[in-house]
Each structure stands twice: as structure tokens, then as C-alpha cells.
N, C-alpha and C. Protein backbone atom coordinates (compact mmCIF):
# COMPACT_ATOMS: atom_id res chain seq x y z
N MET A 1 -10.73 -32.70 -65.49
CA MET A 1 -11.29 -33.16 -64.23
C MET A 1 -10.44 -34.32 -63.70
N LYS A 2 -10.15 -34.29 -62.39
CA LYS A 2 -9.33 -35.34 -61.80
C LYS A 2 -10.14 -36.62 -61.66
N SER A 3 -9.44 -37.73 -61.67
CA SER A 3 -10.14 -39.00 -61.51
C SER A 3 -10.60 -39.14 -60.06
N PRO A 4 -11.68 -39.88 -59.83
CA PRO A 4 -12.21 -40.02 -58.46
C PRO A 4 -11.21 -40.62 -57.48
N VAL A 5 -10.31 -41.46 -57.96
CA VAL A 5 -9.32 -42.06 -57.06
C VAL A 5 -8.40 -41.01 -56.49
N ILE A 6 -7.97 -40.07 -57.31
CA ILE A 6 -7.08 -39.01 -56.85
C ILE A 6 -7.80 -38.10 -55.87
N VAL A 7 -9.07 -37.79 -56.15
CA VAL A 7 -9.84 -36.93 -55.25
C VAL A 7 -10.03 -37.60 -53.89
N VAL A 8 -10.33 -38.90 -53.89
CA VAL A 8 -10.49 -39.63 -52.63
C VAL A 8 -9.18 -39.70 -51.87
N ALA A 9 -8.09 -39.93 -52.58
CA ALA A 9 -6.78 -40.01 -51.91
C ALA A 9 -6.41 -38.67 -51.28
N ILE A 10 -6.66 -37.57 -51.98
CA ILE A 10 -6.35 -36.25 -51.44
C ILE A 10 -7.23 -35.95 -50.23
N THR A 11 -8.52 -36.31 -50.33
CA THR A 11 -9.44 -36.07 -49.22
C THR A 11 -9.05 -36.88 -47.99
N LEU A 12 -8.70 -38.15 -48.18
CA LEU A 12 -8.28 -38.98 -47.05
C LEU A 12 -6.99 -38.46 -46.42
N THR A 13 -6.06 -38.03 -47.24
CA THR A 13 -4.81 -37.48 -46.72
C THR A 13 -5.07 -36.24 -45.89
N ALA A 14 -5.94 -35.37 -46.39
CA ALA A 14 -6.26 -34.15 -45.65
C ALA A 14 -6.96 -34.49 -44.33
N ALA A 15 -7.87 -35.46 -44.35
CA ALA A 15 -8.57 -35.84 -43.13
C ALA A 15 -7.61 -36.43 -42.10
N ILE A 16 -6.66 -37.24 -42.55
CA ILE A 16 -5.68 -37.83 -41.63
C ILE A 16 -4.80 -36.74 -41.02
N LEU A 17 -4.38 -35.78 -41.83
CA LEU A 17 -3.55 -34.70 -41.31
C LEU A 17 -4.30 -33.85 -40.29
N VAL A 18 -5.56 -33.57 -40.57
CA VAL A 18 -6.36 -32.78 -39.62
C VAL A 18 -6.55 -33.55 -38.32
N ALA A 19 -6.87 -34.85 -38.41
CA ALA A 19 -7.06 -35.65 -37.20
C ALA A 19 -5.77 -35.74 -36.38
N ALA A 20 -4.64 -35.92 -37.05
CA ALA A 20 -3.37 -36.01 -36.34
C ALA A 20 -3.02 -34.69 -35.66
N SER A 21 -3.27 -33.59 -36.34
CA SER A 21 -2.96 -32.30 -35.72
C SER A 21 -3.87 -32.03 -34.53
N LEU A 22 -5.14 -32.44 -34.62
CA LEU A 22 -6.03 -32.26 -33.47
C LEU A 22 -5.59 -33.11 -32.29
N LEU A 23 -5.15 -34.33 -32.56
CA LEU A 23 -4.66 -35.18 -31.47
C LEU A 23 -3.42 -34.58 -30.82
N ILE A 24 -2.54 -34.00 -31.61
CA ILE A 24 -1.34 -33.39 -31.07
C ILE A 24 -1.71 -32.17 -30.22
N VAL A 25 -2.63 -31.35 -30.71
CA VAL A 25 -3.03 -30.15 -29.97
C VAL A 25 -3.70 -30.53 -28.66
N VAL A 26 -4.60 -31.50 -28.69
CA VAL A 26 -5.29 -31.92 -27.47
C VAL A 26 -4.29 -32.54 -26.50
N GLY A 27 -3.34 -33.30 -27.00
CA GLY A 27 -2.36 -33.94 -26.13
C GLY A 27 -1.40 -32.96 -25.49
N THR A 28 -1.14 -31.82 -26.13
CA THR A 28 -0.19 -30.86 -25.58
C THR A 28 -0.87 -29.76 -24.76
N ARG A 29 -2.21 -29.76 -24.68
CA ARG A 29 -2.89 -28.74 -23.90
C ARG A 29 -2.82 -28.99 -22.42
N LYS A 30 -2.55 -30.23 -22.02
CA LYS A 30 -2.46 -30.55 -20.59
C LYS A 30 -1.19 -29.96 -20.01
N GLY A 31 -1.20 -29.76 -18.71
CA GLY A 31 -0.03 -29.22 -18.03
C GLY A 31 1.07 -30.24 -17.97
N PRO A 32 2.26 -29.81 -17.58
CA PRO A 32 3.37 -30.76 -17.48
C PRO A 32 3.11 -31.80 -16.40
N GLY A 33 3.45 -33.01 -16.69
CA GLY A 33 3.29 -34.08 -15.72
C GLY A 33 1.92 -34.72 -15.73
N THR A 34 1.03 -34.28 -16.60
CA THR A 34 -0.31 -34.86 -16.62
C THR A 34 -0.57 -35.66 -17.88
N SER A 35 0.45 -35.87 -18.67
CA SER A 35 0.27 -36.62 -19.90
C SER A 35 0.04 -38.08 -19.58
N THR A 36 -0.87 -38.70 -20.31
CA THR A 36 -1.15 -40.12 -20.11
C THR A 36 -0.58 -40.96 -21.24
N LEU A 37 0.18 -40.34 -22.16
CA LEU A 37 0.67 -41.10 -23.30
C LEU A 37 1.73 -42.12 -22.89
N ASN A 38 2.70 -41.72 -22.09
CA ASN A 38 3.79 -42.62 -21.71
C ASN A 38 3.83 -42.85 -20.21
N ALA A 39 2.70 -42.64 -19.54
CA ALA A 39 2.68 -42.80 -18.08
C ALA A 39 2.72 -44.28 -17.74
N PRO A 40 3.51 -44.64 -16.74
CA PRO A 40 3.52 -46.04 -16.31
C PRO A 40 2.20 -46.39 -15.64
N ALA A 41 1.85 -47.64 -15.71
CA ALA A 41 0.61 -48.08 -15.06
C ALA A 41 0.76 -47.95 -13.55
N LEU A 42 -0.33 -47.59 -12.91
CA LEU A 42 -0.29 -47.47 -11.45
C LEU A 42 -0.06 -48.84 -10.84
N GLN A 43 0.88 -48.89 -9.93
CA GLN A 43 1.22 -50.14 -9.29
C GLN A 43 0.30 -50.35 -8.09
N GLN A 44 -0.55 -51.32 -8.18
CA GLN A 44 -1.46 -51.65 -7.09
C GLN A 44 -0.92 -52.89 -6.37
N PRO A 45 -0.93 -52.87 -5.04
CA PRO A 45 -0.49 -54.08 -4.34
C PRO A 45 -1.46 -55.23 -4.63
N VAL A 46 -0.88 -56.41 -4.80
CA VAL A 46 -1.71 -57.58 -5.12
C VAL A 46 -2.31 -58.09 -3.83
N GLN A 47 -3.63 -58.19 -3.83
CA GLN A 47 -4.32 -58.74 -2.65
C GLN A 47 -4.96 -60.05 -3.07
N HIS A 48 -4.54 -61.11 -2.40
CA HIS A 48 -5.06 -62.42 -2.72
C HIS A 48 -6.29 -62.69 -1.86
N ALA A 49 -7.33 -63.10 -2.49
CA ALA A 49 -8.54 -63.47 -1.75
C ALA A 49 -8.60 -65.00 -1.69
N TYR A 50 -8.54 -65.53 -0.51
CA TYR A 50 -8.57 -66.96 -0.32
C TYR A 50 -9.98 -67.35 0.10
N LEU A 51 -10.59 -68.20 -0.71
CA LEU A 51 -11.90 -68.70 -0.36
C LEU A 51 -11.74 -69.96 0.46
N VAL A 52 -12.40 -70.00 1.61
CA VAL A 52 -12.27 -71.16 2.52
C VAL A 52 -13.55 -71.94 2.53
């Protein structure tokens, strides 16, 4: 029987691999040009509000 530490390490490794693969699949399902991973922030013009 394997020690509990080895079982936990294998389980955590498997969970991390499954989560990473799901993130990759979800990230690549979008059409071209719609990815938000490396998109630059939208440039909004700065509007100054002056209180008088």
C-alpha cells in the first residue's frame, strides 16, 4: 500500500493537470480576436471633473 503522502501528491497533480487542460480548452473555444488573455486595456479618455 502506498503512503498517504504519495497518494495525495498524485491526486493533486492529477487535479492540477485537469484544471489546466480545462482552462486551455475554454480559452481556445473563443473565435479569433476575442481572447481576453493578452488584450490591451481599453483606452478611455480622461475626463476631469472640477468641483466649483
